[in-house]
């Protein structure tokens, strides 16, 4: 969950609804909405349950159709068309992933300006005024290749990972291309169990940015 002190939002709903309920202290009804980046189950598993419990689910039309959900709680959104949820201004943008119509989000609120980007091979946009980054660092190409050479990772799956997920190398390039002068924190998401190195990734991003880095 993310909040600017006024409007609480859920970013993704990819776990069991009962676990979301527990995590929110059974305060699901307090949410102003749930943003879903794409239809894969680790991001959208509880989307239907969210709508049934009165939470508006915001996603692209492609994601909505892929999930097969409908109703007045389902709110279609489009890349680069800004909208508001309570005190948040949300700008969706298109990402690069093997999904119907995947999105990332920039959220501007009273507490700052947040970038949420996961499950994307790269990002073609630059952003100004960011204060918090929630970004994927799925793998290192070097580690991935080493694991393929050692027979620890399927060679055919190598291409899919590179085409659909943000590597630490591409992430650092992206960070260097953006204005990070106002950034307070960087949070690394979606690290592969097999093809990443948490400590090394954290150190690399800290060195590249000079910002506090947290790994989830």
Foldseek 3Di string as FASTA:
>chain_A
DDDPVWAAEAEFDQDDPVVVCVVVVNVLVRHLAYEFFAQDNNGHVCVQVSVVVPHAYEYAPQRCVVNVDDDPSYHHDDAQDWDDRVQKIKHWHFAFAPGRTGTWIWIQGNNFIETGEWFHLADPDEDPGHAEYEYEAAAALVLLVVCVVVVNDDPVCSVNCNRTGYHLVRVLVNVLVYDCVNYAEYEYDNYHPRGHDVVVSQVVNCVSPVHHYHYD
